[in-house]
């Protein structure tokens, strides 16, 4: 197995050969593994919504997340792009619906914030209630 440095040097050599006209095109790197559940969770979507939004079958999402199957190379490519830039995928798949959703007919850039948990507005601990109506300890 090559080290990261060797892989980077090979990539730079490929770029140099391409720029010198010695090589045409390039080969895209498709990751061997993609964490579908982590991508979906970062977007805050259910399995059903993720499958409907990006065109995957719900069964495929369930099997990928359950470890029973692995996405094929084209699906891993799309999942990688979804992970890096979900707005670009949404715009490409359905530009009119995406523009309507953001309230504009022009192409737009949408910033997606991920990885932040909601806090109560006062920062105080929330009180929870049991099914019987009694109060529980604060969290």
N, C-alpha and C. Protein backbone atom coordinates (compact mmCIF):
# COMPACT_ATOMS: atom_id res chain seq x y z
N UNK A 1 0.84 -1.18 0.00
CA UNK A 1 0.00 0.00 0.00
C UNK A 1 0.89 1.25 0.00
N UNK A 2 0.50 2.23 -0.79
CA UNK A 2 1.27 3.45 -0.89
C UNK A 2 0.97 4.36 0.28
N UNK A 3 1.98 5.13 0.66
CA UNK A 3 1.78 6.12 1.72
C UNK A 3 1.02 7.30 1.14
N UNK A 4 0.51 8.15 2.02
CA UNK A 4 -0.20 9.34 1.55
C UNK A 4 0.73 10.22 0.72
N UNK A 5 1.97 10.33 1.14
CA UNK A 5 2.94 11.14 0.40
C UNK A 5 3.12 10.60 -1.01
N UNK A 6 3.26 9.29 -1.13
CA UNK A 6 3.44 8.69 -2.46
C UNK A 6 2.21 8.91 -3.34
N UNK A 7 1.02 8.82 -2.74
CA UNK A 7 -0.20 9.06 -3.49
C UNK A 7 -0.27 10.51 -3.96
N UNK A 8 0.11 11.44 -3.09
CA UNK A 8 0.10 12.86 -3.46
C UNK A 8 1.12 13.13 -4.57
N UNK A 9 2.28 12.53 -4.45
CA UNK A 9 3.31 12.74 -5.47
C UNK A 9 2.86 12.17 -6.82
N UNK A 10 2.21 11.01 -6.80
CA UNK A 10 1.69 10.45 -8.05
C UNK A 10 0.66 11.39 -8.66
N UNK A 11 -0.19 11.95 -7.82
CA UNK A 11 -1.19 12.90 -8.30
C UNK A 11 -0.56 14.14 -8.90
N UNK A 12 0.47 14.66 -8.24
CA UNK A 12 1.17 15.84 -8.77
C UNK A 12 1.88 15.51 -10.07
N UNK A 13 2.44 14.32 -10.17
CA UNK A 13 3.08 13.90 -11.41
C UNK A 13 2.05 13.82 -12.54
N UNK A 14 0.86 13.34 -12.24
CA UNK A 14 -0.21 13.27 -13.23
C UNK A 14 -0.60 14.67 -13.70
N UNK A 15 -0.70 15.61 -12.77
CA UNK A 15 -1.04 16.99 -13.12
C UNK A 15 0.04 17.58 -14.01
N UNK A 16 1.28 17.37 -13.63
CA UNK A 16 2.40 17.88 -14.41
C UNK A 16 2.39 17.30 -15.83
N UNK A 17 2.14 16.01 -15.96
CA UNK A 17 2.09 15.37 -17.27
C UNK A 17 0.91 15.91 -18.08
N UNK A 18 -0.22 16.16 -17.44
CA UNK A 18 -1.38 16.71 -18.13
C UNK A 18 -1.09 18.10 -18.65
N UNK A 19 -0.49 18.95 -17.78
CA UNK A 19 -0.17 20.33 -18.18
C UNK A 19 0.86 20.37 -19.29
N UNK A 20 1.75 19.40 -19.33
CA UNK A 20 2.78 19.35 -20.37
C UNK A 20 2.25 18.73 -21.66
N UNK A 21 1.00 18.28 -21.66
CA UNK A 21 0.40 17.68 -22.84
C UNK A 21 0.77 16.23 -23.05
N UNK A 22 1.40 15.62 -22.07
CA UNK A 22 1.83 14.22 -22.18
C UNK A 22 0.72 13.25 -21.80
N UNK A 23 -0.30 13.73 -21.14
CA UNK A 23 -1.39 12.87 -20.67
C UNK A 23 -2.70 13.61 -20.86
N UNK A 24 -3.72 12.89 -21.29
CA UNK A 24 -5.03 13.50 -21.48
C UNK A 24 -5.97 13.06 -20.36
N UNK A 25 -6.80 14.00 -19.94
CA UNK A 25 -7.82 13.69 -18.95
C UNK A 25 -7.26 13.35 -17.57
N UNK A 26 -8.13 12.86 -16.74
CA UNK A 26 -7.75 12.47 -15.40
C UNK A 26 -8.70 11.40 -14.92
N UNK A 27 -8.37 10.77 -13.85
CA UNK A 27 -9.25 9.76 -13.25
C UNK A 27 -9.69 10.27 -11.89
N UNK A 28 -10.99 10.30 -11.69
CA UNK A 28 -11.54 10.77 -10.42
C UNK A 28 -11.35 9.71 -9.35
N UNK A 29 -11.13 10.16 -8.13
CA UNK A 29 -11.00 9.25 -7.00
C UNK A 29 -12.39 9.04 -6.38
N UNK A 30 -12.82 7.81 -6.34
CA UNK A 30 -14.09 7.46 -5.71
C UNK A 30 -13.76 6.71 -4.43
N UNK A 31 -14.22 7.21 -3.27
CA UNK A 31 -13.90 6.53 -2.02
C UNK A 31 -14.44 5.10 -1.99
N UNK A 32 -13.70 4.22 -1.34
CA UNK A 32 -14.13 2.82 -1.22
C UNK A 32 -15.30 2.66 -0.27
N UNK A 33 -15.36 3.51 0.74
CA UNK A 33 -16.44 3.44 1.73
C UNK A 33 -17.03 4.81 1.95
N UNK A 34 -18.34 4.85 2.12
CA UNK A 34 -19.05 6.10 2.40
C UNK A 34 -19.99 5.82 3.57
N UNK A 35 -19.97 6.69 4.57
CA UNK A 35 -20.85 6.54 5.73
C UNK A 35 -22.18 7.24 5.45
N UNK A 36 -23.11 6.51 4.88
CA UNK A 36 -24.39 7.06 4.46
C UNK A 36 -25.15 7.65 5.65
N UNK A 37 -25.16 6.94 6.76
CA UNK A 37 -25.90 7.40 7.93
C UNK A 37 -25.34 8.73 8.45
N UNK A 38 -24.02 8.87 8.46
CA UNK A 38 -23.40 10.11 8.92
C UNK A 38 -23.77 11.28 8.00
N UNK A 39 -23.76 11.04 6.70
CA UNK A 39 -24.14 12.09 5.74
C UNK A 39 -25.58 12.50 5.97
N UNK A 40 -26.46 11.51 6.07
CA UNK A 40 -27.88 11.77 6.28
C UNK A 40 -28.12 12.52 7.59
N UNK A 41 -27.44 12.10 8.65
CA UNK A 41 -27.61 12.76 9.95
C UNK A 41 -27.10 14.20 9.92
N UNK A 42 -25.99 14.44 9.22
CA UNK A 42 -25.48 15.82 9.12
C UNK A 42 -26.49 16.73 8.43
N UNK A 43 -27.26 16.17 7.51
CA UNK A 43 -28.28 16.95 6.82
C UNK A 43 -29.59 17.03 7.60
N UNK A 44 -29.68 16.26 8.69
CA UNK A 44 -30.88 16.28 9.52
C UNK A 44 -32.08 15.68 8.84
N UNK A 45 -31.87 14.64 8.03
CA UNK A 45 -32.97 14.03 7.28
C UNK A 45 -33.27 12.63 7.78
N UNK A 46 -34.53 12.24 7.64
CA UNK A 46 -34.91 10.86 7.90
C UNK A 46 -34.47 10.02 6.70
N UNK A 47 -34.51 8.71 6.85
CA UNK A 47 -34.16 7.84 5.73
C UNK A 47 -35.11 8.09 4.56
N UNK A 48 -36.39 8.22 4.84
CA UNK A 48 -37.38 8.43 3.78
C UNK A 48 -37.14 9.75 3.05
N UNK A 49 -36.91 10.80 3.80
CA UNK A 49 -36.69 12.11 3.17
C UNK A 49 -35.40 12.11 2.36
N UNK A 50 -34.34 11.52 2.89
CA UNK A 50 -33.06 11.45 2.17
C UNK A 50 -33.24 10.69 0.86
N UNK A 51 -33.94 9.57 0.90
CA UNK A 51 -34.14 8.77 -0.32
C UNK A 51 -34.97 9.53 -1.34
N UNK A 52 -36.03 10.19 -0.91
CA UNK A 52 -36.86 10.97 -1.83
C UNK A 52 -36.13 12.17 -2.40
N UNK A 53 -35.37 12.85 -1.57
CA UNK A 53 -34.69 14.07 -1.99
C UNK A 53 -33.61 13.79 -3.04
N UNK A 54 -32.85 12.72 -2.83
CA UNK A 54 -31.70 12.47 -3.70
C UNK A 54 -31.89 11.32 -4.67
N UNK A 55 -33.08 10.70 -4.71
CA UNK A 55 -33.38 9.69 -5.72
C UNK A 55 -32.91 8.28 -5.44
N UNK A 56 -32.61 7.97 -4.20
CA UNK A 56 -32.25 6.61 -3.83
C UNK A 56 -33.51 5.87 -3.39
N UNK A 57 -33.49 4.55 -3.48
CA UNK A 57 -34.63 3.81 -2.93
C UNK A 57 -34.47 3.74 -1.41
N UNK A 58 -35.59 3.72 -0.72
CA UNK A 58 -35.57 3.65 0.74
C UNK A 58 -34.90 2.35 1.18
N UNK A 59 -35.16 1.26 0.47
CA UNK A 59 -34.53 -0.02 0.81
C UNK A 59 -33.01 0.06 0.70
N UNK A 60 -32.53 0.75 -0.34
CA UNK A 60 -31.07 0.88 -0.51
C UNK A 60 -30.46 1.62 0.69
N UNK A 61 -31.11 2.70 1.11
CA UNK A 61 -30.61 3.46 2.27
C UNK A 61 -30.57 2.57 3.50
N UNK A 62 -31.63 1.82 3.73
CA UNK A 62 -31.70 0.95 4.90
C UNK A 62 -30.61 -0.13 4.85
N UNK A 63 -30.40 -0.72 3.67
CA UNK A 63 -29.38 -1.76 3.54
C UNK A 63 -27.98 -1.19 3.69
N UNK A 64 -27.72 -0.02 3.12
CA UNK A 64 -26.40 0.60 3.25
C UNK A 64 -26.11 0.93 4.71
N UNK A 65 -27.07 1.54 5.38
CA UNK A 65 -26.86 1.93 6.77
C UNK A 65 -26.77 0.72 7.69
N UNK A 66 -27.47 -0.34 7.35
CA UNK A 66 -27.45 -1.56 8.16
C UNK A 66 -26.23 -2.44 7.89
N UNK A 67 -25.44 -2.09 6.88
CA UNK A 67 -24.24 -2.85 6.58
C UNK A 67 -24.49 -4.12 5.78
N UNK A 68 -25.71 -4.31 5.29
CA UNK A 68 -26.03 -5.51 4.51
C UNK A 68 -25.56 -5.39 3.07
N UNK A 69 -25.46 -4.15 2.58
CA UNK A 69 -24.95 -3.89 1.24
C UNK A 69 -24.08 -2.65 1.28
N UNK A 70 -23.27 -2.49 0.24
CA UNK A 70 -22.44 -1.29 0.10
C UNK A 70 -22.84 -0.59 -1.19
N UNK A 71 -22.82 0.75 -1.19
CA UNK A 71 -23.14 1.46 -2.42
C UNK A 71 -22.12 1.15 -3.52
N UNK A 72 -22.59 1.04 -4.76
CA UNK A 72 -21.70 0.86 -5.90
C UNK A 72 -20.98 2.18 -6.18
N UNK A 73 -19.98 2.15 -7.04
CA UNK A 73 -19.15 3.33 -7.32
C UNK A 73 -19.97 4.56 -7.72
N UNK A 74 -20.95 4.47 -8.63
CA UNK A 74 -21.70 5.68 -8.97
C UNK A 74 -22.46 6.26 -7.78
N UNK A 75 -23.04 5.40 -6.95
CA UNK A 75 -23.76 5.87 -5.76
C UNK A 75 -22.78 6.50 -4.76
N UNK A 76 -21.59 5.89 -4.60
CA UNK A 76 -20.58 6.46 -3.69
C UNK A 76 -20.14 7.83 -4.18
N UNK A 77 -20.04 7.99 -5.50
CA UNK A 77 -19.67 9.29 -6.07
C UNK A 77 -20.73 10.33 -5.73
N UNK A 78 -22.00 10.00 -5.97
CA UNK A 78 -23.08 10.93 -5.67
C UNK A 78 -23.15 11.22 -4.18
N UNK A 79 -23.00 10.21 -3.35
CA UNK A 79 -23.04 10.41 -1.90
C UNK A 79 -21.90 11.31 -1.43
N UNK A 80 -20.74 11.20 -2.07
CA UNK A 80 -19.61 12.05 -1.72
C UNK A 80 -19.91 13.50 -2.06
N UNK A 81 -20.52 13.74 -3.22
CA UNK A 81 -20.89 15.10 -3.60
C UNK A 81 -21.98 15.63 -2.68
N UNK A 82 -22.95 14.80 -2.33
CA UNK A 82 -24.00 15.20 -1.38
C UNK A 82 -23.36 15.61 -0.06
N UNK A 83 -22.37 14.87 0.39
CA UNK A 83 -21.70 15.17 1.65
C UNK A 83 -20.98 16.52 1.58
N UNK A 84 -20.32 16.79 0.46
CA UNK A 84 -19.52 18.02 0.34
C UNK A 84 -20.35 19.24 -0.03
N UNK A 85 -21.37 19.05 -0.89
CA UNK A 85 -22.14 20.20 -1.37
C UNK A 85 -23.57 19.77 -1.73
N UNK A 86 -24.42 19.57 -0.74
CA UNK A 86 -25.78 19.10 -1.01
C UNK A 86 -26.59 20.06 -1.88
N UNK A 87 -26.35 21.36 -1.75
CA UNK A 87 -27.10 22.33 -2.55
C UNK A 87 -26.80 22.17 -4.04
N UNK A 88 -25.57 21.83 -4.39
CA UNK A 88 -25.21 21.63 -5.79
C UNK A 88 -25.97 20.45 -6.37
N UNK A 89 -26.11 19.38 -5.59
CA UNK A 89 -26.84 18.21 -6.06
C UNK A 89 -28.31 18.53 -6.22
N UNK A 90 -28.89 19.22 -5.24
CA UNK A 90 -30.29 19.59 -5.32
C UNK A 90 -30.55 20.49 -6.53
N UNK A 91 -29.67 21.44 -6.78
CA UNK A 91 -29.82 22.33 -7.92
C UNK A 91 -29.73 21.55 -9.22
N UNK A 92 -28.79 20.62 -9.30
CA UNK A 92 -28.61 19.84 -10.53
C UNK A 92 -29.79 18.90 -10.78
N UNK A 93 -30.33 18.31 -9.73
CA UNK A 93 -31.41 17.35 -9.90
C UNK A 93 -32.74 18.01 -10.24
N UNK A 94 -32.99 19.18 -9.66
CA UNK A 94 -34.26 19.85 -9.90
C UNK A 94 -34.10 21.35 -9.68
N UNK A 95 -33.52 22.07 -10.64
CA UNK A 95 -33.24 23.49 -10.43
C UNK A 95 -34.48 24.34 -10.15
N UNK A 96 -35.60 24.05 -10.83
CA UNK A 96 -36.81 24.86 -10.63
C UNK A 96 -37.36 24.70 -9.22
N UNK A 97 -37.42 23.47 -8.75
CA UNK A 97 -37.94 23.22 -7.40
C UNK A 97 -37.02 23.81 -6.35
N UNK A 98 -35.71 23.71 -6.58
CA UNK A 98 -34.77 24.25 -5.60
C UNK A 98 -34.87 25.77 -5.56
N UNK A 99 -34.96 26.42 -6.72
CA UNK A 99 -35.09 27.88 -6.76
C UNK A 99 -36.38 28.32 -6.09
N UNK A 100 -37.47 27.58 -6.31
CA UNK A 100 -38.74 27.92 -5.68
C UNK A 100 -38.66 27.76 -4.17
N UNK A 101 -37.92 26.75 -3.73
CA UNK A 101 -37.80 26.49 -2.29
C UNK A 101 -37.05 27.61 -1.59
N UNK A 102 -36.11 28.23 -2.29
CA UNK A 102 -35.35 29.32 -1.67
C UNK A 102 -35.92 30.69 -2.05
N UNK A 103 -37.02 30.69 -2.86
CA UNK A 103 -37.72 31.93 -3.17
C UNK A 103 -37.06 32.78 -4.23
N UNK A 104 -36.42 32.18 -5.22
CA UNK A 104 -35.76 32.94 -6.26
C UNK A 104 -35.78 32.17 -7.56
N UNK A 105 -35.80 32.90 -8.67
CA UNK A 105 -35.73 32.24 -9.97
C UNK A 105 -34.29 32.21 -10.48
N UNK A 106 -33.40 32.88 -9.77
CA UNK A 106 -32.00 32.93 -10.17
C UNK A 106 -31.20 31.86 -9.44
N UNK A 107 -30.09 31.41 -10.03
CA UNK A 107 -29.21 30.49 -9.29
C UNK A 107 -28.74 31.16 -8.00
N UNK A 108 -28.62 30.39 -6.97
CA UNK A 108 -28.26 30.95 -5.68
C UNK A 108 -27.33 30.01 -4.93
N UNK A 109 -26.62 30.55 -3.98
CA UNK A 109 -25.76 29.76 -3.12
C UNK A 109 -26.45 29.60 -1.79
N UNK A 110 -26.51 28.38 -1.33
CA UNK A 110 -27.16 28.10 -0.05
C UNK A 110 -26.11 27.54 0.89
N UNK A 111 -26.03 28.10 2.05
CA UNK A 111 -25.10 27.60 3.05
C UNK A 111 -25.87 26.70 4.00
N UNK A 112 -25.34 25.51 4.22
CA UNK A 112 -25.99 24.55 5.11
C UNK A 112 -25.14 24.42 6.36
N UNK A 113 -25.75 24.71 7.51
CA UNK A 113 -25.04 24.54 8.78
C UNK A 113 -25.32 23.16 9.31
N UNK A 114 -24.26 22.44 9.61
CA UNK A 114 -24.42 21.10 10.14
C UNK A 114 -23.58 20.94 11.39
N UNK A 115 -23.94 19.97 12.18
CA UNK A 115 -23.13 19.62 13.34
C UNK A 115 -23.41 20.45 14.58
N UNK A 116 -24.42 21.28 14.56
CA UNK A 116 -24.73 22.07 15.74
C UNK A 116 -26.02 21.59 16.35
N UNK A 117 -26.02 21.43 17.66
CA UNK A 117 -27.22 21.01 18.36
C UNK A 117 -27.97 22.24 18.86
N UNK A 118 -29.27 22.13 18.87
CA UNK A 118 -30.09 23.23 19.36
C UNK A 118 -30.01 23.32 20.87
N UNK A 119 -30.02 24.53 21.36
CA UNK A 119 -30.02 24.76 22.79
C UNK A 119 -31.28 25.54 23.14
N UNK A 120 -31.67 25.47 24.38
CA UNK A 120 -32.81 26.28 24.79
C UNK A 120 -32.40 27.74 24.75
N UNK A 121 -33.36 28.62 24.52
CA UNK A 121 -33.05 30.03 24.35
C UNK A 121 -32.43 30.64 25.60
N UNK A 122 -32.82 30.17 26.75
CA UNK A 122 -32.28 30.75 27.98
C UNK A 122 -31.02 30.04 28.43
N UNK A 123 -30.73 28.91 27.81
CA UNK A 123 -29.55 28.15 28.21
C UNK A 123 -29.81 27.31 29.46
N UNK A 124 -31.04 27.40 29.99
CA UNK A 124 -31.37 26.66 31.20
C UNK A 124 -31.65 25.20 30.86
N UNK A 125 -31.58 24.38 31.88
CA UNK A 125 -31.89 22.97 31.69
C UNK A 125 -33.39 22.81 31.46
N UNK A 126 -33.73 21.87 30.58
CA UNK A 126 -35.14 21.63 30.28
C UNK A 126 -35.72 20.67 31.30
N UNK A 127 -36.97 20.88 31.62
CA UNK A 127 -37.67 19.95 32.49
C UNK A 127 -38.44 18.98 31.61
N UNK A 128 -38.42 17.73 31.99
CA UNK A 128 -39.17 16.73 31.24
C UNK A 128 -40.35 16.27 32.06
N UNK A 129 -41.35 15.75 31.37
CA UNK A 129 -42.56 15.29 32.04
C UNK A 129 -42.77 13.82 31.71
N UNK A 130 -43.24 13.08 32.67
CA UNK A 130 -43.51 11.66 32.44
C UNK A 130 -44.88 11.51 31.78
N UNK A 131 -45.17 10.32 31.30
CA UNK A 131 -46.46 10.04 30.66
C UNK A 131 -47.63 10.20 31.64
N UNK A 132 -47.38 10.03 32.94
CA UNK A 132 -48.45 10.14 33.93
C UNK A 132 -48.72 11.60 34.32
N UNK A 133 -47.97 12.53 33.76
CA UNK A 133 -48.22 13.94 34.05
C UNK A 133 -47.37 14.51 35.15
N UNK A 134 -46.60 13.70 35.82
CA UNK A 134 -45.74 14.21 36.88
C UNK A 134 -44.43 14.74 36.34
N UNK A 135 -43.82 15.64 37.10
CA UNK A 135 -42.55 16.21 36.66
C UNK A 135 -41.40 15.30 37.01
N UNK A 136 -40.38 15.29 36.14
CA UNK A 136 -39.17 14.54 36.40
C UNK A 136 -38.05 15.51 36.72
N UNK A 137 -36.90 14.96 37.00
CA UNK A 137 -35.74 15.78 37.26
C UNK A 137 -35.32 16.54 35.99
N UNK A 138 -34.72 17.69 36.19
CA UNK A 138 -34.22 18.48 35.05
C UNK A 138 -33.01 17.78 34.45
N UNK A 139 -32.89 17.90 33.13
CA UNK A 139 -31.74 17.30 32.43
C UNK A 139 -30.59 18.26 32.39
